[in-house]
Amino acid sequence: MGELSAGKLGELISSFDKDRNYFGPYKTSEEEKVKLRAKFISDFPREQILDMDIEDYVFGKIDPKTGTSNDSTFRHRLEFEMERFGGIRGTPAVKFGIYYDKKTQKCVYNQKKYNSPETAFEGIKSEIRNILYKIKSDHTGYKSKTFPAY
């Protein structure tokens, strides 16, 4: 294979960016993206995000009244609604630090590190706090030392 020039690489990247959703399930307009983002921020404002409880975060718990999972949780919406901004969808669910197992309906979390779902969730909120602080302070990005999936 020959070398790839910077100009040719730029052309390939531009072509990919233009066509990357050609076969994809989402053809979201900028207007729709603005609305999705605004709704997410309205439902999970920065000032209140650290006050959410575990039920507002964790996805997978079956509601006995409806027989379905709550699709309005932070984790579910981040993974499935916000994928139009960059994908984090797919397995393993443990990348979110905690989740409900579909079959057992029990919280799954790192039991070697945490002694309960509540302490695992506090660890997750600590990471969210760090991310929010980093984003607010310098916008250079964030690399978690606690959760390798970040």
Protein backbone atom coordinates (compact mmCIF):
# COMPACT_ATOMS: atom_id res chain seq x y z
CA MET A 1 0.00 0.00 0.00
CA GLY A 2 1.15 3.51 -0.75
CA GLU A 3 1.26 6.40 1.64
CA LEU A 4 -1.83 8.47 2.25
CA SER A 5 -1.31 12.19 1.80
CA ALA A 6 -2.86 14.70 4.20
CA GLY A 7 -4.99 16.07 1.34
CA LYS A 8 -6.30 12.63 0.38
CA LEU A 9 -7.02 11.80 4.04
CA GLY A 10 -8.98 15.04 4.36
CA GLU A 11 -11.02 14.15 1.28
CA LEU A 12 -11.78 10.68 2.64
CA ILE A 13 -12.85 12.08 6.02
CA SER A 14 -15.11 14.65 4.36
CA SER A 15 -16.64 11.97 2.16
CA PHE A 16 -17.23 9.71 5.17
CA ASP A 17 -18.80 12.53 7.19
CA LYS A 18 -21.12 13.37 4.32
CA ASP A 19 -22.25 9.77 3.75
CA ARG A 20 -21.88 8.15 7.18
CA ASN A 21 -25.63 7.94 7.82
CA TYR A 22 -26.54 6.89 4.30
CA PHE A 23 -27.67 3.46 5.46
CA GLY A 24 -28.19 4.43 9.09
CA PRO A 25 -31.50 4.43 10.92
CA TYR A 26 -31.38 8.12 11.76
CA LYS A 27 -31.56 10.98 9.39
CA THR A 28 -31.99 13.66 12.03
CA SER A 29 -32.09 17.26 10.91
CA GLU A 30 -30.19 19.93 12.82
CA GLU A 31 -33.54 21.30 14.00
CA GLU A 32 -34.51 17.89 15.41
CA LYS A 33 -31.11 17.58 17.11
CA VAL A 34 -31.56 20.98 18.74
CA LYS A 35 -34.97 19.88 20.04
CA LEU A 36 -33.63 16.54 21.34
CA ARG A 37 -30.76 18.25 23.12
CA ALA A 38 -33.02 20.91 24.61
CA LYS A 39 -35.45 18.25 25.88
CA PHE A 40 -32.63 16.22 27.45
CA ILE A 41 -31.16 19.30 29.13
CA SER A 42 -34.61 20.35 30.32
CA ASP A 43 -35.26 16.91 31.83
CA PHE A 44 -31.74 16.61 33.29
CA PRO A 45 -30.48 20.13 34.04
CA ARG A 46 -26.84 20.40 35.06
CA GLU A 47 -27.78 21.91 38.42
CA GLN A 48 -29.99 18.93 39.29
CA ILE A 49 -28.24 16.04 37.60
CA LEU A 50 -26.31 15.09 40.73
CA ASP A 51 -29.55 15.03 42.74
CA MET A 52 -31.12 12.28 40.65
CA ASP A 53 -31.79 9.03 42.41
CA ILE A 54 -30.80 5.59 41.24
CA GLU A 55 -34.24 4.93 39.71
CA ASP A 56 -33.84 8.01 37.48
CA TYR A 57 -30.47 6.73 36.26
CA VAL A 58 -30.59 2.94 35.91
CA PHE A 59 -32.27 1.30 32.95
CA GLY A 60 -33.78 -2.16 32.74
CA LYS A 61 -36.06 -2.36 35.75
CA ILE A 62 -39.45 -3.69 34.68
CA ASP A 63 -42.46 -1.70 35.83
CA PRO A 64 -44.93 -4.27 37.20
CA LYS A 65 -47.87 -2.11 36.04
CA THR A 66 -46.78 -1.88 32.40
CA GLY A 67 -44.44 -4.86 32.01
CA THR A 68 -41.89 -2.64 30.26
CA SER A 69 -38.69 -0.83 31.19
CA ASN A 70 -38.70 2.88 31.94
CA ASP A 71 -37.39 4.50 28.77
CA SER A 72 -37.13 7.94 30.40
CA THR A 73 -34.11 7.17 32.60
CA PHE A 74 -30.92 9.19 32.19
CA ARG A 75 -28.98 6.14 31.09
CA HIS A 76 -31.54 4.93 28.55
CA ARG A 77 -32.00 8.34 26.99
CA LEU A 78 -28.25 8.97 26.88
CA GLU A 79 -27.68 5.69 25.11
CA PHE A 80 -30.64 5.62 22.73
CA GLU A 81 -31.89 9.20 22.20
CA MET A 82 -28.60 11.00 22.27
CA GLU A 83 -26.84 8.56 19.93
CA ARG A 84 -27.54 11.04 17.16
CA PHE A 85 -24.76 13.12 18.75
CA GLY A 86 -22.27 10.25 19.02
CA GLY A 87 -22.91 6.62 19.73
CA ILE A 88 -22.41 4.78 23.00
CA ARG A 89 -25.10 2.25 22.25
CA GLY A 90 -24.65 -1.46 22.65
CA THR A 91 -23.13 -3.98 24.98
CA PRO A 92 -21.85 -4.27 27.58
CA ALA A 93 -24.34 -2.42 29.76
CA VAL A 94 -21.76 -2.35 32.53
CA LYS A 95 -20.14 0.61 30.74
CA PHE A 96 -22.75 2.70 32.59
CA GLY A 97 -21.54 1.40 35.94
CA ILE A 98 -24.85 -0.11 37.02
CA TYR A 99 -27.88 -1.66 35.36
CA TYR A 100 -30.78 -4.01 36.00
CA ASP A 101 -30.36 -7.54 34.71
CA LYS A 102 -33.32 -8.35 32.46
CA LYS A 103 -33.80 -11.88 33.79
CA THR A 104 -33.14 -11.48 37.51
CA GLN A 105 -34.29 -7.84 37.83
CA LYS A 106 -31.37 -7.23 40.20
CA CYS A 107 -28.84 -4.42 39.99
CA VAL A 108 -25.56 -5.42 38.40
CA TYR A 109 -22.49 -3.39 39.39
CA ASN A 110 -18.84 -3.90 40.28
CA GLN A 111 -19.18 -5.81 43.55
CA LYS A 112 -15.40 -5.96 43.99
CA LYS A 113 -15.29 -2.19 44.21
CA TYR A 114 -18.65 -1.33 45.78
CA ASN A 115 -20.63 -2.99 48.55
CA SER A 116 -24.10 -1.99 47.29
CA PRO A 117 -25.92 -0.56 44.28
CA GLU A 118 -26.21 2.72 46.20
CA THR A 119 -22.45 3.06 46.73
CA ALA A 120 -21.86 2.15 43.08
CA PHE A 121 -24.30 4.87 42.07
CA GLU A 122 -22.51 7.39 44.30
CA GLY A 123 -19.30 6.47 42.45
CA ILE A 124 -21.05 7.07 39.13
CA LYS A 125 -22.35 10.44 40.29
CA SER A 126 -18.83 11.35 41.39
CA GLU A 127 -17.62 10.65 37.85
CA ILE A 128 -20.51 12.67 36.39
CA ARG A 129 -19.55 15.54 38.72
CA ASN A 130 -15.95 15.33 37.47
CA ILE A 131 -17.10 15.32 33.85
CA LEU A 132 -19.42 18.29 34.35
CA TYR A 133 -16.64 20.23 36.10
CA LYS A 134 -14.13 19.42 33.36
CA ILE A 135 -16.56 20.41 30.61
CA LYS A 136 -17.40 23.64 32.40
CA SER A 137 -13.78 24.53 33.07
CA ASP A 138 -11.89 23.94 29.83
CA HIS A 139 -13.73 21.86 27.18
CA THR A 140 -10.55 19.87 26.40
CA GLY A 141 -12.20 16.53 27.02
CA TYR A 142 -12.31 14.10 29.87
CA LYS A 143 -10.74 10.70 30.44
CA SER A 144 -12.06 8.77 33.40
CA LYS A 145 -9.64 6.78 35.49
CA THR A 146 -12.50 4.96 37.24
CA PHE A 147 -14.66 3.84 34.32
CA PRO A 148 -12.56 2.75 31.33
CA ALA A 149 -15.59 3.04 29.06
CA TYR A 150 -15.39 6.84 29.33
